[in-house]
All heavy atoms as atom14 arrays in JSON, in Angstrom:
{
  "sequence": "GLTSAGDRRLSGYSKGMLQRIGLAQAIVQEPKLVVLDEP",
  "atom14_mask": [
    [1, 1, 1, 1, 0, 0, 0, 0, 0, 0, 0, 0, 0, 0],
    [1, 1, 1, 1, 1, 1, 1, 1, 0, 0, 0, 0, 0, 0],
    [1, 1, 1, 1, 1, 1, 1, 0, 0, 0, 0, 0, 0, 0],
    [1, 1, 1, 1, 1, 1, 0, 0, 0, 0, 0, 0, 0, 0],
    [1, 1, 1, 1, 1, 0, 0, 0, 0, 0, 0, 0, 0, 0],
    [1, 1, 1, 1, 0, 0, 0, 0, 0, 0, 0, 0, 0, 0],
    [1, 1, 1, 1, 1, 1, 1, 1, 0, 0, 0, 0, 0, 0],
    [1, 1, 1, 1, 1, 1, 1, 1, 1, 1, 1, 0, 0, 0],
    [1, 1, 1, 1, 1, 1, 1, 1, 1, 1, 1, 0, 0, 0],
    [1, 1, 1, 1, 1, 1, 1, 1, 0, 0, 0, 0, 0, 0],
    [1, 1, 1, 1, 1, 1, 0, 0, 0, 0, 0, 0, 0, 0],
    [1, 1, 1, 1, 0, 0, 0, 0, 0, 0, 0, 0, 0, 0],
    [1, 1, 1, 1, 1, 1, 1, 1, 1, 1, 1, 1, 0, 0],
    [1, 1, 1, 1, 1, 1, 0, 0, 0, 0, 0, 0, 0, 0],
    [1, 1, 1, 1, 1, 1, 1, 1, 1, 0, 0, 0, 0, 0],
    [1, 1, 1, 1, 0, 0, 0, 0, 0, 0, 0, 0, 0, 0],
    [1, 1, 1, 1, 1, 1, 1, 1, 0, 0, 0, 0, 0, 0],
    [1, 1, 1, 1, 1, 1, 1, 1, 0, 0, 0, 0, 0, 0],
    [1, 1, 1, 1, 1, 1, 1, 1, 1, 0, 0, 0, 0, 0],
    [1, 1, 1, 1, 1, 1, 1, 1, 1, 1, 1, 0, 0, 0],
    [1, 1, 1, 1, 1, 1, 1, 1, 0, 0, 0, 0, 0, 0],
    [1, 1, 1, 1, 0, 0, 0, 0, 0, 0, 0, 0, 0, 0],
    [1, 1, 1, 1, 1, 1, 1, 1, 0, 0, 0, 0, 0, 0],
    [1, 1, 1, 1, 1, 0, 0, 0, 0, 0, 0, 0, 0, 0],
    [1, 1, 1, 1, 1, 1, 1, 1, 1, 0, 0, 0, 0, 0],
    [1, 1, 1, 1, 1, 0, 0, 0, 0, 0, 0, 0, 0, 0],
    [1, 1, 1, 1, 1, 1, 1, 1, 0, 0, 0, 0, 0, 0],
    [1, 1, 1, 1, 1, 1, 1, 0, 0, 0, 0, 0, 0, 0],
    [1, 1, 1, 1, 1, 1, 1, 1, 1, 0, 0, 0, 0, 0],
    [1, 1, 1, 1, 1, 1, 1, 1, 1, 0, 0, 0, 0, 0],
    [1, 1, 1, 1, 1, 1, 1, 0, 0, 0, 0, 0, 0, 0],
    [1, 1, 1, 1, 1, 1, 1, 1, 1, 0, 0, 0, 0, 0],
    [1, 1, 1, 1, 1, 1, 1, 1, 0, 0, 0, 0, 0, 0],
    [1, 1, 1, 1, 1, 1, 1, 0, 0, 0, 0, 0, 0, 0],
    [1, 1, 1, 1, 1, 1, 1, 0, 0, 0, 0, 0, 0, 0],
    [1, 1, 1, 1, 1, 1, 1, 1, 0, 0, 0, 0, 0, 0],
    [1, 1, 1, 1, 1, 1, 1, 1, 0, 0, 0, 0, 0, 0],
    [1, 1, 1, 1, 1, 1, 1, 1, 1, 0, 0, 0, 0, 0],
    [1, 1, 1, 1, 1, 1, 1, 0, 0, 0, 0, 0, 0, 0]
  ],
  "atom14_positions": [
    [[120.33, 194.8, -37.5], [119.32, 194.79, -38.56], [118.58, 196.09, -38.75], [117.41, 196.1, -39.13], [0.0, 0.0, 0.0], [0.0, 0.0, 0.0], [0.0, 0.0, 0.0], [0.0, 0.0, 0.0], [0.0, 0.0, 0.0], [0.0, 0.0, 0.0], [0.0, 0.0, 0.0], [0.0, 0.0, 0.0], [0.0, 0.0, 0.0], [0.0, 0.0, 0.0]],
    [[119.27, 197.23, -38.52], [118.6, 198.53, -38.63], [119.28, 199.45, -39.64], [119.11, 200.67, -39.59], [118.56, 199.22, -37.27], [117.65, 198.58, -36.21], [117.8, 199.3, -34.88], [116.19, 198.62, -36.65], [0.0, 0.0, 0.0], [0.0, 0.0, 0.0], [0.0, 0.0, 0.0], [0.0, 0.0, 0.0], [0.0, 0.0, 0.0], [0.0, 0.0, 0.0]],
    [[120.04, 198.86, -40.56], [120.73, 199.68, -41.56], [119.75, 200.54, -42.35], [119.99, 201.74, -42.56], [121.54, 198.79, -42.53], [122.52, 198.06, -41.8], [122.24, 199.64, -43.58], [0.0, 0.0, 0.0], [0.0, 0.0, 0.0], [0.0, 0.0, 0.0], [0.0, 0.0, 0.0], [0.0, 0.0, 0.0], [0.0, 0.0, 0.0], [0.0, 0.0, 0.0]],
    [[118.64, 199.96, -42.75], [117.66, 200.7, -43.55], [116.91, 201.74, -42.73], [116.29, 202.65, -43.29], [116.65, 199.73, -44.18], [115.94, 199.02, -43.17], [0.0, 0.0, 0.0], [0.0, 0.0, 0.0], [0.0, 0.0, 0.0], [0.0, 0.0, 0.0], [0.0, 0.0, 0.0], [0.0, 0.0, 0.0], [0.0, 0.0, 0.0], [0.0, 0.0, 0.0]],
    [[116.96, 201.63, -41.41], [116.27, 202.58, -40.53], [117.23, 203.51, -39.81], [116.83, 204.25, -38.92], [115.42, 201.82, -39.5], [0.0, 0.0, 0.0], [0.0, 0.0, 0.0], [0.0, 0.0, 0.0], [0.0, 0.0, 0.0], [0.0, 0.0, 0.0], [0.0, 0.0, 0.0], [0.0, 0.0, 0.0], [0.0, 0.0, 0.0], [0.0, 0.0, 0.0]],
    [[118.49, 203.5, -40.24], [119.49, 204.31, -39.56], [119.24, 205.8, -39.63], [119.62, 206.55, -38.73], [0.0, 0.0, 0.0], [0.0, 0.0, 0.0], [0.0, 0.0, 0.0], [0.0, 0.0, 0.0], [0.0, 0.0, 0.0], [0.0, 0.0, 0.0], [0.0, 0.0, 0.0], [0.0, 0.0, 0.0], [0.0, 0.0, 0.0], [0.0, 0.0, 0.0]],
    [[118.59, 206.27, -40.71], [118.32, 207.7, -40.87], [116.91, 208.08, -40.43], [116.48, 209.21, -40.65], [118.53, 208.11, -42.33], [119.98, 207.97, -42.76], [120.87, 208.17, -41.9], [120.24, 207.64, -43.94], [0.0, 0.0, 0.0], [0.0, 0.0, 0.0], [0.0, 0.0, 0.0], [0.0, 0.0, 0.0], [0.0, 0.0, 0.0], [0.0, 0.0, 0.0]],
    [[116.21, 207.13, -39.81], [114.86, 207.41, -39.32], [114.91, 207.85, -37.86], [115.7, 207.33, -37.07], [113.98, 206.16, -39.44], [112.49, 206.42, -39.2], [111.71, 205.13, -39.11], [111.98, 204.22, -40.21], [111.47, 202.99, -40.27], [110.69, 202.54, -39.27], [111.74, 202.21, -41.3], [0.0, 0.0, 0.0], [0.0, 0.0, 0.0], [0.0, 0.0, 0.0]],
    [[114.07, 208.82, -37.49], [114.03, 209.27, -36.1], [113.5, 208.16, -35.19], [112.63, 207.39, -35.58], [113.17, 210.52, -35.96], [113.71, 211.74, -36.68], [112.85, 212.96, -36.41], [113.24, 214.08, -37.25], [114.22, 214.94, -36.94], [114.88, 214.77, -35.81], [114.52, 215.94, -37.75], [0.0, 0.0, 0.0], [0.0, 0.0, 0.0], [0.0, 0.0, 0.0]],
    [[114.01, 208.13, -33.96], [113.59, 207.1, -33.02], [112.11, 207.2, -32.68], [111.51, 206.22, -32.24], [114.42, 207.17, -31.73], [115.92, 206.93, -31.85], [116.53, 206.72, -30.47], [116.24, 205.75, -32.74], [0.0, 0.0, 0.0], [0.0, 0.0, 0.0], [0.0, 0.0, 0.0], [0.0, 0.0, 0.0], [0.0, 0.0, 0.0], [0.0, 0.0, 0.0]],
    [[111.51, 208.36, -32.87], [110.08, 208.51, -32.6], [109.24, 207.62, -33.51], [108.08, 207.32, -33.2], [109.66, 209.97, -32.78], [109.98, 210.43, -34.09], [0.0, 0.0, 0.0], [0.0, 0.0, 0.0], [0.0, 0.0, 0.0], [0.0, 0.0, 0.0], [0.0, 0.0, 0.0], [0.0, 0.0, 0.0], [0.0, 0.0, 0.0], [0.0, 0.0, 0.0]],
    [[109.83, 207.19, -34.63], [109.13, 206.31, -35.56], [109.51, 204.85, -35.41], [109.08, 204.01, -36.2], [0.0, 0.0, 0.0], [0.0, 0.0, 0.0], [0.0, 0.0, 0.0], [0.0, 0.0, 0.0], [0.0, 0.0, 0.0], [0.0, 0.0, 0.0], [0.0, 0.0, 0.0], [0.0, 0.0, 0.0], [0.0, 0.0, 0.0], [0.0, 0.0, 0.0]],
    [[110.3, 204.52, -34.38], [110.73, 203.14, -34.15], [109.68, 202.38, -33.34], [109.02, 202.94, -32.46], [112.05, 203.11, -33.36], [113.3, 203.25, -34.19], [113.29, 203.93, -35.41], [114.51, 202.71, -33.76], [114.45, 204.06, -36.15], [115.67, 202.83, -34.5], [115.63, 203.51, -35.71], [116.76, 203.64, -36.46], [0.0, 0.0, 0.0], [0.0, 0.0, 0.0]],
    [[109.55, 201.09, -33.64], [108.69, 200.22, -32.83], [109.43, 199.86, -31.55], [110.62, 200.15, -31.38], [108.36, 198.94, -33.6], [109.54, 198.17, -33.78], [0.0, 0.0, 0.0], [0.0, 0.0, 0.0], [0.0, 0.0, 0.0], [0.0, 0.0, 0.0], [0.0, 0.0, 0.0], [0.0, 0.0, 0.0], [0.0, 0.0, 0.0], [0.0, 0.0, 0.0]],
    [[108.72, 199.19, -30.62], [109.35, 198.78, -29.37], [110.52, 197.85, -29.62], [111.59, 197.99, -29.0], [108.31, 198.09, -28.48], [108.86, 197.48, -27.19], [109.38, 198.53, -26.24], [109.8, 197.9, -24.92], [110.39, 198.87, -23.98], [0.0, 0.0, 0.0], [0.0, 0.0, 0.0], [0.0, 0.0, 0.0], [0.0, 0.0, 0.0], [0.0, 0.0, 0.0]],
    [[110.35, 196.91, -30.54], [111.43, 195.98, -30.85], [112.64, 196.69, -31.45], [113.78, 196.35, -31.14], [0.0, 0.0, 0.0], [0.0, 0.0, 0.0], [0.0, 0.0, 0.0], [0.0, 0.0, 0.0], [0.0, 0.0, 0.0], [0.0, 0.0, 0.0], [0.0, 0.0, 0.0], [0.0, 0.0, 0.0], [0.0, 0.0, 0.0], [0.0, 0.0, 0.0]],
    [[112.39, 197.68, -32.31], [113.49, 198.43, -32.91], [114.24, 199.24, -31.86], [115.46, 199.36, -31.89], [112.97, 199.34, -34.03], [112.39, 198.57, -35.22], [111.49, 199.63, -36.37], [112.84, 200.55, -37.11], [0.0, 0.0, 0.0], [0.0, 0.0, 0.0], [0.0, 0.0, 0.0], [0.0, 0.0, 0.0], [0.0, 0.0, 0.0], [0.0, 0.0, 0.0]],
    [[113.49, 199.81, -30.9], [114.12, 200.58, -29.83], [115.0, 199.68, -28.96], [116.09, 200.08, -28.52], [113.06, 201.26, -28.96], [112.35, 202.47, -29.59], [111.21, 202.93, -28.7], [113.33, 203.62, -29.82], [0.0, 0.0, 0.0], [0.0, 0.0, 0.0], [0.0, 0.0, 0.0], [0.0, 0.0, 0.0], [0.0, 0.0, 0.0], [0.0, 0.0, 0.0]],
    [[114.53, 198.44, -28.71], [115.34, 197.52, -27.92], [116.61, 197.16, -28.67], [117.68, 197.01, -28.08], [114.54, 196.26, -27.59], [113.43, 196.47, -26.56], [113.98, 196.83, -25.21], [114.06, 198.01, -24.84], [114.33, 195.84, -24.42], [0.0, 0.0, 0.0], [0.0, 0.0, 0.0], [0.0, 0.0, 0.0], [0.0, 0.0, 0.0], [0.0, 0.0, 0.0]],
    [[116.5, 197.02, -29.99], [117.69, 196.67, -30.78], [118.69, 197.82, -30.85], [119.89, 197.6, -30.77], [117.27, 196.23, -32.19], [116.76, 194.79, -32.23], [116.52, 194.33, -33.65], [115.25, 194.81, -34.16], [114.96, 194.94, -35.45], [115.89, 194.66, -36.36], [113.78, 195.36, -35.83], [0.0, 0.0, 0.0], [0.0, 0.0, 0.0], [0.0, 0.0, 0.0]],
    [[118.18, 199.06, -30.97], [119.11, 200.2, -30.96], [119.71, 200.35, -29.57], [120.86, 200.76, -29.41], [118.41, 201.5, -31.42], [119.44, 202.51, -31.96], [117.62, 202.14, -30.31], [120.06, 202.13, -33.26], [0.0, 0.0, 0.0], [0.0, 0.0, 0.0], [0.0, 0.0, 0.0], [0.0, 0.0, 0.0], [0.0, 0.0, 0.0], [0.0, 0.0, 0.0]],
    [[118.93, 199.97, -28.54], [119.45, 200.0, -27.17], [120.56, 198.99, -26.98], [121.56, 199.26, -26.31], [0.0, 0.0, 0.0], [0.0, 0.0, 0.0], [0.0, 0.0, 0.0], [0.0, 0.0, 0.0], [0.0, 0.0, 0.0], [0.0, 0.0, 0.0], [0.0, 0.0, 0.0], [0.0, 0.0, 0.0], [0.0, 0.0, 0.0], [0.0, 0.0, 0.0]],
    [[120.39, 197.82, -27.58], [121.43, 196.79, -27.5], [122.68, 197.25, -28.25], [123.81, 197.01, -27.8], [120.9, 195.48, -28.08], [121.77, 194.23, -27.88], [122.05, 194.0, -26.4], [121.06, 193.01, -28.47], [0.0, 0.0, 0.0], [0.0, 0.0, 0.0], [0.0, 0.0, 0.0], [0.0, 0.0, 0.0], [0.0, 0.0, 0.0], [0.0, 0.0, 0.0]],
    [[122.47, 197.94, -29.37], [123.61, 198.45, -30.15], [124.39, 199.48, -29.34], [125.63, 199.46, -29.33], [123.12, 199.06, -31.46], [0.0, 0.0, 0.0], [0.0, 0.0, 0.0], [0.0, 0.0, 0.0], [0.0, 0.0, 0.0], [0.0, 0.0, 0.0], [0.0, 0.0, 0.0], [0.0, 0.0, 0.0], [0.0, 0.0, 0.0], [0.0, 0.0, 0.0]],
    [[123.7, 200.38, -28.64], [124.43, 201.39, -27.86], [125.16, 200.77, -26.68], [126.17, 201.28, -26.23], [123.48, 202.5, -27.38], [122.41, 202.12, -26.37], [122.9, 201.99, -24.94], [123.86, 202.66, -24.55], [122.26, 201.15, -24.15], [0.0, 0.0, 0.0], [0.0, 0.0, 0.0], [0.0, 0.0, 0.0], [0.0, 0.0, 0.0], [0.0, 0.0, 0.0]],
    [[124.63, 199.62, -26.19], [125.28, 198.96, -25.06], [126.62, 198.35, -25.44], [127.46, 198.1, -24.57], [124.36, 197.88, -24.49], [0.0, 0.0, 0.0], [0.0, 0.0, 0.0], [0.0, 0.0, 0.0], [0.0, 0.0, 0.0], [0.0, 0.0, 0.0], [0.0, 0.0, 0.0], [0.0, 0.0, 0.0], [0.0, 0.0, 0.0], [0.0, 0.0, 0.0]],
    [[126.83, 198.09, -26.72], [128.09, 197.47, -27.15], [128.91, 198.38, -28.06], [129.82, 197.93, -28.74], [127.83, 196.13, -27.86], [126.96, 196.32, -29.11], [127.17, 195.14, -26.91], [126.79, 195.04, -29.92], [0.0, 0.0, 0.0], [0.0, 0.0, 0.0], [0.0, 0.0, 0.0], [0.0, 0.0, 0.0], [0.0, 0.0, 0.0], [0.0, 0.0, 0.0]],
    [[128.56, 199.67, -28.06], [129.23, 200.6, -28.98], [130.73, 200.66, -28.74], [131.52, 200.8, -29.68], [128.58, 202.01, -28.89], [128.87, 202.66, -27.54], [129.06, 202.9, -30.03], [0.0, 0.0, 0.0], [0.0, 0.0, 0.0], [0.0, 0.0, 0.0], [0.0, 0.0, 0.0], [0.0, 0.0, 0.0], [0.0, 0.0, 0.0], [0.0, 0.0, 0.0]],
    [[131.17, 200.53, -27.48], [132.61, 200.62, -27.17], [133.27, 199.26, -27.12], [134.37, 199.11, -26.6], [132.83, 201.37, -25.85], [132.72, 200.53, -24.58], [131.3, 200.25, -24.14], [130.38, 200.13, -24.95], [131.11, 200.14, -22.84], [0.0, 0.0, 0.0], [0.0, 0.0, 0.0], [0.0, 0.0, 0.0], [0.0, 0.0, 0.0], [0.0, 0.0, 0.0]],
    [[132.6, 198.23, -27.68], [133.13, 196.87, -27.71], [133.49, 196.38, -26.3], [134.65, 196.09, -26.0], [134.35, 196.77, -28.64], [134.04, 197.18, -30.07], [135.23, 197.0, -31.0], [135.58, 195.84, -31.28], [135.81, 198.02, -31.42], [0.0, 0.0, 0.0], [0.0, 0.0, 0.0], [0.0, 0.0, 0.0], [0.0, 0.0, 0.0], [0.0, 0.0, 0.0]],
    [[132.5, 196.28, -25.42], [132.75, 195.89, -24.03], [133.05, 194.4, -23.89], [132.76, 193.6, -24.78], [131.43, 196.24, -23.33], [130.41, 196.03, -24.41], [131.07, 196.5, -25.68], [0.0, 0.0, 0.0], [0.0, 0.0, 0.0], [0.0, 0.0, 0.0], [0.0, 0.0, 0.0], [0.0, 0.0, 0.0], [0.0, 0.0, 0.0], [0.0, 0.0, 0.0]],
    [[133.62, 194.03, -22.75], [133.85, 192.61, -22.44], [132.65, 192.01, -21.73], [132.49, 190.78, -21.73], [135.1, 192.47, -21.56], [136.39, 192.9, -22.22], [137.59, 192.53, -21.38], [137.61, 193.3, -20.07], [138.8, 192.96, -19.24], [0.0, 0.0, 0.0], [0.0, 0.0, 0.0], [0.0, 0.0, 0.0], [0.0, 0.0, 0.0], [0.0, 0.0, 0.0]],
    [[131.82, 192.85, -21.1], [130.65, 192.41, -20.36], [129.46, 193.28, -20.73], [129.57, 194.52, -20.76], [130.9, 192.51, -18.85], [129.7, 192.35, -17.92], [129.15, 190.92, -17.98], [130.06, 192.72, -16.49], [0.0, 0.0, 0.0], [0.0, 0.0, 0.0], [0.0, 0.0, 0.0], [0.0, 0.0, 0.0], [0.0, 0.0, 0.0], [0.0, 0.0, 0.0]],
    [[128.33, 192.65, -21.03], [127.1, 193.38, -21.32], [126.04, 192.95, -20.3], [125.8, 191.76, -20.12], [126.58, 193.1, -22.75], [125.24, 193.79, -22.97], [127.59, 193.59, -23.77], [0.0, 0.0, 0.0], [0.0, 0.0, 0.0], [0.0, 0.0, 0.0], [0.0, 0.0, 0.0], [0.0, 0.0, 0.0], [0.0, 0.0, 0.0], [0.0, 0.0, 0.0]],
    [[125.42, 193.94, -19.65], [124.38, 193.69, -18.66], [123.05, 194.14, -19.23], [122.9, 195.3, -19.63], [124.68, 194.44, -17.34], [123.58, 194.18, -16.32], [126.04, 194.01, -16.79], [0.0, 0.0, 0.0], [0.0, 0.0, 0.0], [0.0, 0.0, 0.0], [0.0, 0.0, 0.0], [0.0, 0.0, 0.0], [0.0, 0.0, 0.0], [0.0, 0.0, 0.0]],
    [[122.08, 193.23, -19.27], [120.78, 193.49, -19.89], [119.67, 193.25, -18.87], [119.56, 192.15, -18.33], [120.57, 192.59, -21.11], [121.7, 192.55, -22.15], [121.41, 191.49, -23.2], [121.88, 193.92, -22.79], [0.0, 0.0, 0.0], [0.0, 0.0, 0.0], [0.0, 0.0, 0.0], [0.0, 0.0, 0.0], [0.0, 0.0, 0.0], [0.0, 0.0, 0.0]],
    [[118.86, 194.25, -18.63], [117.75, 194.14, -17.69], [116.45, 194.0, -18.47], [116.0, 194.95, -19.1], [117.7, 195.38, -16.78], [116.78, 195.19, -15.58], [116.16, 194.11, -15.47], [116.67, 196.12, -14.76], [0.0, 0.0, 0.0], [0.0, 0.0, 0.0], [0.0, 0.0, 0.0], [0.0, 0.0, 0.0], [0.0, 0.0, 0.0], [0.0, 0.0, 0.0]],
    [[115.87, 192.8, -18.47], [114.63, 192.5, -19.2], [114.74, 192.97, -20.66], [113.97, 193.81, -21.12], [113.43, 193.18, -18.53], [113.19, 192.76, -17.09], [112.6, 191.36, -16.96], [112.33, 190.73, -18.0], [112.42, 190.92, -15.82], [0.0, 0.0, 0.0], [0.0, 0.0, 0.0], [0.0, 0.0, 0.0], [0.0, 0.0, 0.0], [0.0, 0.0, 0.0]],
    [[115.67, 192.4, -21.44], [115.92, 192.9, -22.79], [114.77, 192.7, -23.78], [114.73, 193.37, -24.81], [117.15, 192.11, -23.23], [117.12, 190.86, -22.41], [116.56, 191.28, -21.08], [0.0, 0.0, 0.0], [0.0, 0.0, 0.0], [0.0, 0.0, 0.0], [0.0, 0.0, 0.0], [0.0, 0.0, 0.0], [0.0, 0.0, 0.0], [0.0, 0.0, 0.0]]
  ]
}
């Protein structure tokens, strides 16, 4: 849900947006297992 914020710098992201971009980077290579610590 960050298509509209894709060209915005992360310095302007809220905590929730940072967690979502973090989740996106965790699955960028299409993994079989995702490990999340206090997501």
